[in-house]
Amino acid sequence: MPQGKGTYGTQVGRPAKKMEGKDKENFKPHMMYCKDGSSKKAKTYQEHLKLKKKGCGHKKPKNGKK
């Protein structure tokens, strides 16, 4: 695969915009879990994106401490 800019960025950008609209339409409130162990319910799609940007995800982290 050639290195450098190429068309990779534009190819990746286009489908994301198409999916964004579908994600908004299909969004359902759900819990998101942060790396620090906290959790918060994403009530709106905008809130989901903010939590995702902060590094929160959908999988509940395993607590190794007892």
PDB file of N, CA and C in Angstrom:
ATOM      1  N   MET A   1       0.848  -1.171   0.000  1.00  0.00           N
ATOM      2  CA  MET A   1       0.000   0.000   0.000  1.00  0.00           C
ATOM      3  C   MET A   1       0.895   1.236   0.000  1.00  0.00           C
ATOM      4  N   PRO A   2       0.642   2.209  -0.870  1.00  0.00           N
ATOM      5  CA  PRO A   2       1.494   3.393  -0.908  1.00  0.00           C
ATOM      6  C   PRO A   2       1.321   4.238   0.344  1.00  0.00           C
ATOM      7  N   GLN A   3       2.442   4.835   0.744  1.00  0.00           N
ATOM      8  CA  GLN A   3       2.390   5.694   1.922  1.00  0.00           C
ATOM      9  C   GLN A   3       2.195   7.134   1.493  1.00  0.00           C
ATOM     10  N   GLY A   4       1.748   7.964   2.418  1.00  0.00           N
ATOM     11  CA  GLY A   4       1.484   9.367   2.107  1.00  0.00           C
ATOM     12  C   GLY A   4       0.002   9.654   2.236  1.00  0.00           C
ATOM     13  N   LYS A   5      -0.409  10.796   1.752  1.00  0.00           N
ATOM     14  CA  LYS A   5      -1.805  11.206   1.893  1.00  0.00           C
ATOM     15  C   LYS A   5      -2.742  10.331   1.074  1.00  0.00           C
ATOM     16  N   GLY A   6      -2.566  10.286  -0.220  1.00  0.00           N
ATOM     17  CA  GLY A   6      -3.426   9.471  -1.070  1.00  0.00           C
ATOM     18  C   GLY A   6      -4.889   9.863  -0.942  1.00  0.00           C
ATOM     19  N   THR A   7      -5.777   8.906  -1.117  1.00  0.00           N
ATOM     20  CA  THR A   7      -7.209   9.185  -1.021  1.00  0.00           C
ATOM     21  C   THR A   7      -7.820   8.572   0.223  1.00  0.00           C
ATOM     22  N   TYR A   8      -6.999   8.029   1.097  1.00  0.00           N
ATOM     23  CA  TYR A   8      -7.513   7.344   2.276  1.00  0.00           C
ATOM     24  C   TYR A   8      -8.423   8.251   3.112  1.00  0.00           C
ATOM     25  N   GLY A   9      -8.014   9.473   3.374  1.00  0.00           N
ATOM     26  CA  GLY A   9      -8.795  10.379   4.215  1.00  0.00           C
ATOM     27  C   GLY A   9     -10.151  10.711   3.628  1.00  0.00           C
ATOM     28  N   THR A  10     -10.208  10.906   2.318  1.00  0.00           N
ATOM     29  CA  THR A  10     -11.484  11.246   1.701  1.00  0.00           C
ATOM     30  C   THR A  10     -12.402  10.033   1.662  1.00  0.00           C
ATOM     31  N   GLN A  11     -11.854   8.853   1.454  1.00  0.00           N
ATOM     32  CA  GLN A  11     -12.683   7.648   1.428  1.00  0.00           C
ATOM     33  C   GLN A  11     -13.257   7.354   2.807  1.00  0.00           C
ATOM     34  N   VAL A  12     -12.476   7.584   3.821  1.00  0.00           N
ATOM     35  CA  VAL A  12     -12.931   7.322   5.180  1.00  0.00           C
ATOM     36  C   VAL A  12     -13.984   8.365   5.576  1.00  0.00           C
ATOM     37  N   GLY A  13     -13.819   9.608   5.145  1.00  0.00           N
ATOM     38  CA  GLY A  13     -14.731  10.690   5.523  1.00  0.00           C
ATOM     39  C   GLY A  13     -16.123  10.551   4.960  1.00  0.00           C
ATOM     40  N   ARG A  14     -16.248  10.116   3.734  1.00  0.00           N
ATOM     41  CA  ARG A  14     -17.569  10.052   3.105  1.00  0.00           C
ATOM     42  C   ARG A  14     -18.529   9.092   3.798  1.00  0.00           C
ATOM     43  N   PRO A  15     -18.152   7.825   4.018  1.00  0.00           N
ATOM     44  CA  PRO A  15     -19.106   6.913   4.664  1.00  0.00           C
ATOM     45  C   PRO A  15     -19.497   7.355   6.072  1.00  0.00           C
ATOM     46  N   ALA A  16     -18.591   7.991   6.795  1.00  0.00           N
ATOM     47  CA  ALA A  16     -18.903   8.420   8.153  1.00  0.00           C
ATOM     48  C   ALA A  16     -20.059   9.417   8.147  1.00  0.00           C
ATOM     49  N   LYS A  17     -20.098  10.308   7.189  1.00  0.00           N
ATOM     50  CA  LYS A  17     -21.175  11.288   7.116  1.00  0.00           C
ATOM     51  C   LYS A  17     -22.499  10.601   6.813  1.00  0.00           C
ATOM     52  N   LYS A  18     -22.482   9.605   5.943  1.00  0.00           N
ATOM     53  CA  LYS A  18     -23.706   8.874   5.626  1.00  0.00           C
ATOM     54  C   LYS A  18     -24.195   8.120   6.854  1.00  0.00           C
ATOM     55  N   MET A  19     -23.293   7.491   7.582  1.00  0.00           N
ATOM     56  CA  MET A  19     -23.668   6.729   8.766  1.00  0.00           C
ATOM     57  C   MET A  19     -24.147   7.644   9.878  1.00  0.00           C
ATOM     58  N   GLU A  20     -23.620   8.869   9.945  1.00  0.00           N
ATOM     59  CA  GLU A  20     -24.003   9.783  11.013  1.00  0.00           C
ATOM     60  C   GLU A  20     -25.505  10.021  11.008  1.00  0.00           C
ATOM     61  N   GLY A  21     -26.080  10.230   9.846  1.00  0.00           N
ATOM     62  CA  GLY A  21     -27.516  10.442   9.744  1.00  0.00           C
ATOM     63  C   GLY A  21     -28.295   9.223  10.193  1.00  0.00           C
ATOM     64  N   LYS A  22     -27.815   8.038   9.833  1.00  0.00           N
ATOM     65  CA  LYS A  22     -28.476   6.805  10.233  1.00  0.00           C
ATOM     66  C   LYS A  22     -28.355   6.606  11.739  1.00  0.00           C
ATOM     67  N   ASP A  23     -27.200   6.957  12.299  1.00  0.00           N
ATOM     68  CA  ASP A  23     -27.013   6.831  13.738  1.00  0.00           C
ATOM     69  C   ASP A  23     -27.977   7.749  14.485  1.00  0.00           C
ATOM     70  N   LYS A  24     -28.165   8.950  13.999  1.00  0.00           N
ATOM     71  CA  LYS A  24     -29.088   9.884  14.632  1.00  0.00           C
ATOM     72  C   LYS A  24     -30.502   9.329  14.620  1.00  0.00           C
ATOM     73  N   GLU A  25     -30.898   8.764  13.498  1.00  0.00           N
ATOM     74  CA  GLU A  25     -32.252   8.230  13.361  1.00  0.00           C
ATOM     75  C   GLU A  25     -32.464   7.014  14.252  1.00  0.00           C
ATOM     76  N   ASN A  26     -31.449   6.179  14.388  1.00  0.00           N
ATOM     77  CA  ASN A  26     -31.571   4.925  15.128  1.00  0.00           C
ATOM     78  C   ASN A  26     -31.086   5.016  16.568  1.00  0.00           C
ATOM     79  N   PHE A  27     -30.756   6.211  17.028  1.00  0.00           N
ATOM     80  CA  PHE A  27     -30.179   6.362  18.360  1.00  0.00           C
ATOM     81  C   PHE A  27     -31.173   5.965  19.446  1.00  0.00           C
ATOM     82  N   LYS A  28     -30.664   5.204  20.426  1.00  0.00           N
ATOM     83  CA  LYS A  28     -31.440   4.848  21.608  1.00  0.00           C
ATOM     84  C   LYS A  28     -30.581   5.192  22.818  1.00  0.00           C
ATOM     85  N   PRO A  29     -31.151   5.810  23.845  1.00  0.00           N
ATOM     86  CA  PRO A  29     -30.371   6.126  25.048  1.00  0.00           C
ATOM     87  C   PRO A  29     -29.730   4.866  25.631  1.00  0.00           C
ATOM     88  N   HIS A  30     -28.473   5.001  26.066  1.00  0.00           N
ATOM     89  CA  HIS A  30     -27.738   3.856  26.595  1.00  0.00           C
ATOM     90  C   HIS A  30     -26.610   4.314  27.500  1.00  0.00           C
ATOM     91  N   MET A  31     -26.092   3.381  28.283  1.00  0.00           N
ATOM     92  CA  MET A  31     -24.991   3.682  29.191  1.00  0.00           C
ATOM     93  C   MET A  31     -23.666   3.681  28.427  1.00  0.00           C
ATOM     94  N   MET A  32     -22.789   4.587  28.867  1.00  0.00           N
ATOM     95  CA  MET A  32     -21.424   4.622  28.341  1.00  0.00           C
ATOM     96  C   MET A  32     -20.488   4.630  29.540  1.00  0.00           C
ATOM     97  N   TYR A  33     -19.351   3.956  29.389  1.00  0.00           N
ATOM     98  CA  TYR A  33     -18.418   3.762  30.490  1.00  0.00           C
ATOM     99  C   TYR A  33     -17.066   4.386  30.160  1.00  0.00           C
ATOM    100  N   CYS A  34     -16.555   5.161  31.126  1.00  0.00           N
ATOM    101  CA  CYS A  34     -15.276   5.843  30.935  1.00  0.00           C
ATOM    102  C   CYS A  34     -14.147   5.027  31.540  1.00  0.00           C
ATOM    103  N   LYS A  35     -12.941   5.326  31.117  1.00  0.00           N
ATOM    104  CA  LYS A  35     -11.759   4.587  31.562  1.00  0.00           C
ATOM    105  C   LYS A  35     -11.501   4.770  33.052  1.00  0.00           C
ATOM    106  N   ASP A  36     -11.977   5.892  33.623  1.00  0.00           N
ATOM    107  CA  ASP A  36     -11.754   6.146  35.045  1.00  0.00           C
ATOM    108  C   ASP A  36     -12.741   5.390  35.934  1.00  0.00           C
ATOM    109  N   GLY A  37     -13.636   4.595  35.321  1.00  0.00           N
ATOM    110  CA  GLY A  37     -14.589   3.802  36.082  1.00  0.00           C
ATOM    111  C   GLY A  37     -15.963   4.435  36.217  1.00  0.00           C
ATOM    112  N   SER A  38     -16.089   5.696  35.810  1.00  0.00           N
ATOM    113  CA  SER A  38     -17.390   6.349  35.887  1.00  0.00           C
ATOM    114  C   SER A  38     -18.265   5.919  34.717  1.00  0.00           C
ATOM    115  N   SER A  39     -19.560   6.115  34.880  1.00  0.00           N
ATOM    116  CA  SER A  39     -20.497   5.776  33.814  1.00  0.00           C
ATOM    117  C   SER A  39     -21.544   6.880  33.710  1.00  0.00           C
ATOM    118  N   LYS A  40     -22.073   7.048  32.526  1.00  0.00           N
ATOM    119  CA  LYS A  40     -23.084   8.066  32.300  1.00  0.00           C
ATOM    120  C   LYS A  40     -24.007   7.593  31.192  1.00  0.00           C
ATOM    121  N   LYS A  41     -25.271   7.957  31.296  1.00  0.00           N
ATOM    122  CA  LYS A  41     -26.233   7.573  30.273  1.00  0.00           C
ATOM    123  C   LYS A  41     -26.231   8.630  29.178  1.00  0.00           C
ATOM    124  N   ALA A  42     -26.009   8.188  27.952  1.00  0.00           N
ATOM    125  CA  ALA A  42     -26.078   9.084  26.791  1.00  0.00           C
ATOM    126  C   ALA A  42     -27.548   9.174  26.404  1.00  0.00           C
ATOM    127  N   LYS A  43     -28.181  10.291  26.726  1.00  0.00           N
ATOM    128  CA  LYS A  43     -29.611  10.459  26.480  1.00  0.00           C
ATOM    129  C   LYS A  43     -29.897  10.947  25.066  1.00  0.00           C
ATOM    130  N   THR A  44     -28.920  11.640  24.461  1.00  0.00           N
ATOM    131  CA  THR A  44     -29.078  12.158  23.105  1.00  0.00           C
ATOM    132  C   THR A  44     -27.878  11.752  22.266  1.00  0.00           C
ATOM    133  N   TYR A  45     -28.016  11.858  20.955  1.00  0.00           N
ATOM    134  CA  TYR A  45     -26.913  11.525  20.053  1.00  0.00           C
ATOM    135  C   TYR A  45     -25.740  12.478  20.276  1.00  0.00           C
ATOM    136  N   GLN A  46     -26.037  13.759  20.516  1.00  0.00           N
ATOM    137  CA  GLN A  46     -24.976  14.744  20.761  1.00  0.00           C
ATOM    138  C   GLN A  46     -24.202  14.386  22.026  1.00  0.00           C
ATOM    139  N   GLU A  47     -24.917  13.971  23.068  1.00  0.00           N
ATOM    140  CA  GLU A  47     -24.257  13.583  24.307  1.00  0.00           C
ATOM    141  C   GLU A  47     -23.394  12.340  24.089  1.00  0.00           C
ATOM    142  N   HIS A  48     -23.874  11.420  23.261  1.00  0.00           N
ATOM    143  CA  HIS A  48     -23.107  10.220  22.910  1.00  0.00           C
ATOM    144  C   HIS A  48     -21.780  10.605  22.264  1.00  0.00           C
ATOM    145  N   LEU A  49     -21.828  11.539  21.317  1.00  0.00           N
ATOM    146  CA  LEU A  49     -20.610  11.962  20.628  1.00  0.00           C
ATOM    147  C   LEU A  49     -19.631  12.633  21.583  1.00  0.00           C
ATOM    148  N   LYS A  50     -20.129  13.430  22.518  1.00  0.00           N
ATOM    149  CA  LYS A  50     -19.261  14.091  23.501  1.00  0.00           C
ATOM    150  C   LYS A  50     -18.575  13.062  24.391  1.00  0.00           C
ATOM    151  N   LEU A  51     -19.334  12.070  24.846  1.00  0.00           N
ATOM    152  CA  LEU A  51     -18.749  11.027  25.691  1.00  0.00           C
ATOM    153  C   LEU A  51     -17.732  10.193  24.919  1.00  0.00           C
ATOM    154  N   LYS A  52     -18.037   9.905  23.667  1.00  0.00           N
ATOM    155  CA  LYS A  52     -17.117   9.146  22.822  1.00  0.00           C
ATOM    156  C   LYS A  52     -15.810   9.906  22.640  1.00  0.00           C
ATOM    157  N   LYS A  53     -15.920  11.217  22.454  1.00  0.00           N
ATOM    158  CA  LYS A  53     -14.731  12.061  22.266  1.00  0.00           C
ATOM    159  C   LYS A  53     -13.860  12.071  23.526  1.00  0.00           C
ATOM    160  N   LYS A  54     -14.506  11.941  24.691  1.00  0.00           N
ATOM    161  CA  LYS A  54     -13.768  11.912  25.957  1.00  0.00           C
ATOM    162  C   LYS A  54     -13.114  10.561  26.219  1.00  0.00           C
ATOM    163  N   GLY A  55     -13.437   9.566  25.393  1.00  0.00           N
ATOM    164  CA  GLY A  55     -12.820   8.256  25.545  1.00  0.00           C
ATOM    165  C   GLY A  55     -13.726   7.219  26.185  1.00  0.00           C
ATOM    166  N   CYS A  56     -14.990   7.531  26.356  1.00  0.00           N
ATOM    167  CA  CYS A  56     -15.933   6.569  26.923  1.00  0.00           C
ATOM    168  C   CYS A  56     -16.380   5.590  25.848  1.00  0.00           C
ATOM    169  N   GLY A  57     -16.766   4.396  26.272  1.00  0.00           N
ATOM    170  CA  GLY A  57     -17.190   3.377  25.320  1.00  0.00           C
ATOM    171  C   GLY A  57     -18.424   2.649  25.807  1.00  0.00           C
ATOM    172  N   HIS A  58     -18.790   1.590  25.099  1.00  0.00           N
ATOM    173  CA  HIS A  58     -20.006   0.852  25.401  1.00  0.00           C
ATOM    174  C   HIS A  58     -19.776  -0.315  26.351  1.00  0.00           C
ATOM    175  N   LYS A  59     -18.562  -0.785  26.437  1.00  0.00           N
ATOM    176  CA  LYS A  59     -18.283  -1.943  27.287  1.00  0.00           C
ATOM    177  C   LYS A  59     -17.939  -1.501  28.701  1.00  0.00           C
ATOM    178  N   LYS A  60     -18.579  -2.149  29.669  1.00  0.00           N
ATOM    179  CA  LYS A  60     -18.313  -1.856  31.058  1.00  0.00           C
ATOM    180  C   LYS A  60     -16.929  -2.383  31.416  1.00  0.00           C
ATOM    181  N   PRO A  61     -16.056  -1.516  31.955  1.00  0.00           N
ATOM    182  CA  PRO A  61     -14.695  -1.985  32.273  1.00  0.00           C
ATOM    183  C   PRO A  61     -14.713  -3.001  33.407  1.00  0.00           C
ATOM    184  N   LYS A  62     -13.798  -3.956  33.304  1.00  0.00           N
ATOM    185  CA  LYS A  62     -13.689  -4.969  34.363  1.00  0.00           C
ATOM    186  C   LYS A  62     -12.957  -4.347  35.539  1.00  0.00           C
ATOM    187  N   ASN A  63     -13.510  -4.504  36.714  1.00  0.00           N
ATOM    188  CA  ASN A  63     -12.896  -3.962  37.916  1.00  0.00           C
ATOM    189  C   ASN A  63     -11.954  -5.003  38.499  1.00  0.00           C
ATOM    190  N   GLY A  64     -10.668  -4.750  38.410  1.00  0.00           N
ATOM    191  CA  GLY A  64      -9.668  -5.700  38.899  1.00  0.00           C
ATOM    192  C   GLY A  64      -9.472  -5.643  40.402  1.00  0.00           C
ATOM    193  N   LYS A  65      -9.959  -4.575  41.040  1.00  0.00           N
ATOM    194  CA  LYS A  65      -9.795  -4.411  42.489  1.00  0.00           C
ATOM    195  C   LYS A  65     -10.945  -5.078  43.228  1.00  0.00           C
ATOM    196  N   LYS A  66     -10.629  -5.721  44.343  1.00  0.00           N
ATOM    197  CA  LYS A  66     -11.688  -6.345  45.169  1.00  0.00           C
ATOM    198  C   LYS A  66     -11.672  -5.770  46.545  1.00  0.00           C
TER     199      LYS A  66
END
